[in-house]
Amino acid sequence: MSLASASLISVFKAESACKLHISLLPFVTQLMETADLRVMQSAGFSRQSQLGAYMLTNNKGFTLIELTFVVAVIGVLAAVAIPNFIAYRDKAYLCEGYALSDPVRKEVVEYYDHVGAFPPDNAALGLPEAIRGKHVGSIKVKDGAVEIKYRDDSRQPGVTVTLSPVVSSDDPTGPVTWEEQIAKAN
């Protein structure tokens, strides 16, 4: 019996002037306990029928539906992100070849400015036979074109990038531009 029920009963017992019939006391007690039970249940408590005690039920946590929804959202994000990451990574591996070929291209342009023709190979530029990198197998000059071959064990196996110099026929003393061709070996 709750404190409110006990105090109400004591008021009814003490007040004989109320002319409350004694047979109504069990009904009033039952009514108070029912009201207490509803208040307790709305606060998260539940009454165990065997013990008669109020216990706090654990209504915290996630349902299976909520967890399934979270897994589905993560799956969709992964399905979109992984291909984009792979493409980004592949471009990063190609960038090593471009970075290693930059000084070679400058040498080709300088040779063209001094001689008036493009160099036939690396030796004409005073460069080693093949320039290598972590993912680049070789960088060679062939008639002015810079050929970048990637290693077979790299992320770009069998890929050859050829950067060919282009001189404008309208302005032969103008800047040299580079035309890119990417070939994949099957």
Protein backbone atom coordinates (compact mmCIF):
# COMPACT_ATOMS: atom_id res chain seq x y z
CA MET A 1 0.00 0.00 0.00
CA SER A 2 1.37 3.40 -0.93
CA LEU A 3 1.94 6.34 1.32
CA ALA A 4 -0.94 8.26 -0.26
CA SER A 5 -3.30 5.32 0.28
CA ALA A 6 -2.26 4.94 3.90
CA SER A 7 -2.67 8.63 4.66
CA LEU A 8 -6.11 8.74 3.02
CA ILE A 9 -7.24 5.71 5.01
CA SER A 10 -5.97 7.25 8.22
CA VAL A 11 -7.91 10.44 7.44
CA PHE A 12 -11.09 8.39 6.87
CA LYS A 13 -10.58 6.48 10.10
CA ALA A 14 -9.82 9.61 12.11
CA GLU A 15 -12.73 11.61 10.79
CA SER A 16 -15.80 10.05 12.25
CA ALA A 17 -17.73 13.19 11.35
CA CYS A 18 -17.60 12.24 7.69
CA LYS A 19 -20.11 9.51 8.38
CA LEU A 20 -18.23 7.22 5.99
CA HIS A 21 -19.37 3.71 6.25
CA ILE A 22 -16.54 1.34 7.24
CA SER A 23 -17.46 -1.04 4.41
CA LEU A 24 -16.19 1.49 1.82
CA LEU A 25 -12.59 1.33 3.09
CA PRO A 26 -11.53 -1.74 1.04
CA PHE A 27 -12.98 -0.12 -2.10
CA VAL A 28 -11.09 3.15 -1.49
CA THR A 29 -7.86 1.22 -0.83
CA GLN A 30 -8.30 -0.74 -4.09
CA LEU A 31 -8.97 2.50 -5.98
CA MET A 32 -5.83 4.15 -4.59
CA GLU A 33 -3.65 1.14 -5.42
CA THR A 34 -5.01 1.10 -8.99
CA ALA A 35 -4.23 4.80 -9.38
CA ASP A 36 -0.73 4.23 -7.95
CA LEU A 37 -0.23 1.31 -10.36
CA ARG A 38 -1.11 3.47 -13.37
CA VAL A 39 1.23 6.23 -12.24
CA MET A 40 4.02 3.73 -11.65
CA GLN A 41 3.50 2.08 -15.05
CA SER A 42 3.54 5.42 -16.84
CA ALA A 43 6.87 6.14 -15.12
CA GLY A 44 8.37 2.92 -16.51
CA PHE A 45 7.73 0.60 -13.59
CA SER A 46 5.95 -2.72 -13.88
CA ARG A 47 4.39 -4.85 -11.15
CA GLN A 48 5.40 -8.44 -10.92
CA SER A 49 2.32 -10.46 -10.06
CA GLN A 50 4.00 -13.02 -7.79
CA LEU A 51 6.12 -10.69 -5.70
CA GLY A 52 3.83 -7.71 -5.70
CA ALA A 53 6.81 -5.35 -5.87
CA TYR A 54 7.35 -2.61 -8.39
CA MET A 55 10.44 -2.93 -10.57
CA LEU A 56 11.83 -0.59 -13.20
CA THR A 57 11.71 -2.26 -16.62
CA ASN A 58 14.54 -1.62 -19.04
CA ASN A 59 12.98 0.05 -22.07
CA LYS A 60 16.32 1.38 -23.31
CA GLY A 61 18.21 0.09 -26.36
CA PHE A 62 17.52 -0.39 -30.06
CA THR A 63 14.99 -2.60 -31.73
CA LEU A 64 15.92 -5.05 -34.46
CA ILE A 65 14.23 -2.83 -37.06
CA GLU A 66 16.32 0.18 -36.03
CA LEU A 67 19.54 -1.83 -36.18
CA THR A 68 18.60 -3.28 -39.57
CA PHE A 69 17.92 0.22 -40.89
CA VAL A 70 21.35 1.44 -39.70
CA VAL A 71 23.09 -1.52 -41.35
CA ALA A 72 21.20 -0.84 -44.61
CA VAL A 73 22.22 2.83 -44.59
CA ILE A 74 25.86 1.91 -43.97
CA GLY A 75 25.66 -0.61 -46.82
CA VAL A 76 24.33 2.01 -49.24
CA LEU A 77 27.04 4.47 -48.23
CA ALA A 78 29.71 1.81 -48.69
CA ALA A 79 28.31 0.85 -52.10
CA VAL A 80 28.68 4.46 -53.24
CA ALA A 81 31.97 5.26 -51.50
CA ILE A 82 34.08 2.20 -52.39
CA PRO A 83 34.00 2.63 -56.21
CA ASN A 84 34.75 6.35 -55.81
CA PHE A 85 37.67 5.55 -53.54
CA ILE A 86 39.06 2.98 -56.00
CA ALA A 87 38.90 5.50 -58.86
CA TYR A 88 40.57 8.12 -56.66
CA ARG A 89 43.32 5.66 -55.68
CA ASP A 90 43.93 4.70 -59.31
CA LYS A 91 44.35 8.35 -60.26
CA ALA A 92 46.83 8.76 -57.43
CA TYR A 93 48.94 5.89 -58.82
CA LEU A 94 48.90 7.52 -62.26
CA CYS A 95 50.06 10.78 -60.68
CA GLU A 96 53.39 9.23 -59.73
CA GLY A 97 54.19 8.75 -63.41
CA TYR A 98 53.24 12.33 -64.22
CA ALA A 99 55.35 13.64 -61.36
CA LEU A 100 58.39 11.59 -62.43
CA SER A 101 57.96 12.64 -66.07
CA ASP A 102 57.77 16.38 -65.35
CA PRO A 103 61.57 16.96 -65.32
CA VAL A 104 61.89 14.77 -68.43
CA ARG A 105 59.30 16.86 -70.28
CA LYS A 106 61.14 20.04 -69.31
CA GLU A 107 64.35 18.53 -70.72
CA VAL A 108 62.56 17.64 -73.97
CA VAL A 109 61.27 21.22 -74.34
CA GLU A 110 64.71 22.65 -73.57
CA TYR A 111 66.33 20.30 -76.13
CA TYR A 112 63.73 21.38 -78.73
CA ASP A 113 64.43 25.07 -78.01
CA HIS A 114 68.21 24.62 -78.49
CA VAL A 115 68.35 22.08 -81.34
CA GLY A 116 65.05 22.68 -83.17
CA ALA A 117 64.10 18.99 -83.14
CA PHE A 118 62.90 16.56 -80.54
CA PRO A 119 65.38 14.18 -78.87
CA PRO A 120 65.42 10.56 -80.11
CA ASP A 121 65.95 8.92 -76.68
CA ASN A 122 67.00 9.38 -73.03
CA ALA A 123 70.72 9.37 -73.89
CA ALA A 124 70.35 12.49 -76.07
CA LEU A 125 69.02 14.31 -73.00
CA GLY A 126 71.73 12.98 -70.70
CA LEU A 127 69.18 10.95 -68.70
CA PRO A 128 69.50 7.34 -67.53
CA GLU A 129 68.16 4.63 -69.84
CA ALA A 130 64.98 4.21 -67.78
CA ILE A 131 63.64 6.22 -64.87
CA ARG A 132 61.80 4.11 -62.30
CA GLY A 133 59.50 4.72 -59.37
CA LYS A 134 57.49 2.75 -56.84
CA HIS A 135 54.68 2.04 -59.33
CA VAL A 136 56.42 3.22 -62.51
CA GLY A 137 58.43 0.60 -64.37
CA SER A 138 60.15 3.00 -66.76
CA ILE A 139 60.03 6.46 -68.29
CA LYS A 140 61.64 6.63 -71.74
CA VAL A 141 61.85 9.24 -74.44
CA LYS A 142 61.11 8.07 -78.01
CA ASP A 143 61.40 10.79 -80.66
CA GLY A 144 60.34 13.46 -78.19
CA ALA A 145 57.39 11.52 -76.79
CA VAL A 146 57.62 10.60 -73.11
CA GLU A 147 56.45 7.03 -72.52
CA ILE A 148 55.49 6.06 -68.97
CA LYS A 149 55.10 2.32 -68.34
CA TYR A 150 53.70 1.12 -65.05
CA ARG A 151 54.96 -2.01 -63.30
CA ASP A 152 53.01 -5.24 -63.66
CA ASP A 153 52.84 -5.59 -59.87
CA SER A 154 51.43 -2.09 -59.37
CA ARG A 155 47.79 -0.97 -59.15
CA GLN A 156 48.00 -0.04 -62.85
CA PRO A 157 49.48 -3.22 -64.39
CA GLY A 158 50.28 -3.00 -68.07
CA VAL A 159 49.22 0.64 -68.42
CA THR A 160 51.31 2.82 -70.73
CA VAL A 161 50.84 6.59 -70.80
CA THR A 162 52.38 8.39 -73.76
CA LEU A 163 52.82 12.17 -73.61
CA SER A 164 53.53 13.48 -77.11
CA PRO A 165 54.81 17.04 -77.66
CA VAL A 166 52.72 19.21 -79.97
CA VAL A 167 54.07 22.35 -81.62
CA SER A 168 51.61 24.77 -83.15
CA SER A 169 52.15 25.20 -86.90
CA ASP A 170 50.98 28.82 -86.61
CA ASP A 171 53.55 29.63 -83.93
CA PRO A 172 56.54 27.22 -84.04
CA THR A 173 58.42 29.22 -81.42
CA GLY A 174 55.45 29.18 -79.07
CA PRO A 175 54.98 26.90 -76.11
CA VAL A 176 55.03 23.14 -76.48
CA THR A 177 51.83 21.42 -75.39
CA TRP A 178 51.48 17.76 -74.50
CA GLU A 179 48.96 15.29 -75.87
CA GLU A 180 48.15 12.35 -73.61
CA GLN A 181 47.34 8.80 -74.70
CA ILE A 182 46.60 6.02 -72.22
CA ALA A 183 46.85 2.40 -73.38
CA LYS A 184 46.10 -0.69 -71.33
CA ALA A 185 47.70 -4.00 -72.21
CA ASN A 186 45.30 -6.94 -72.20
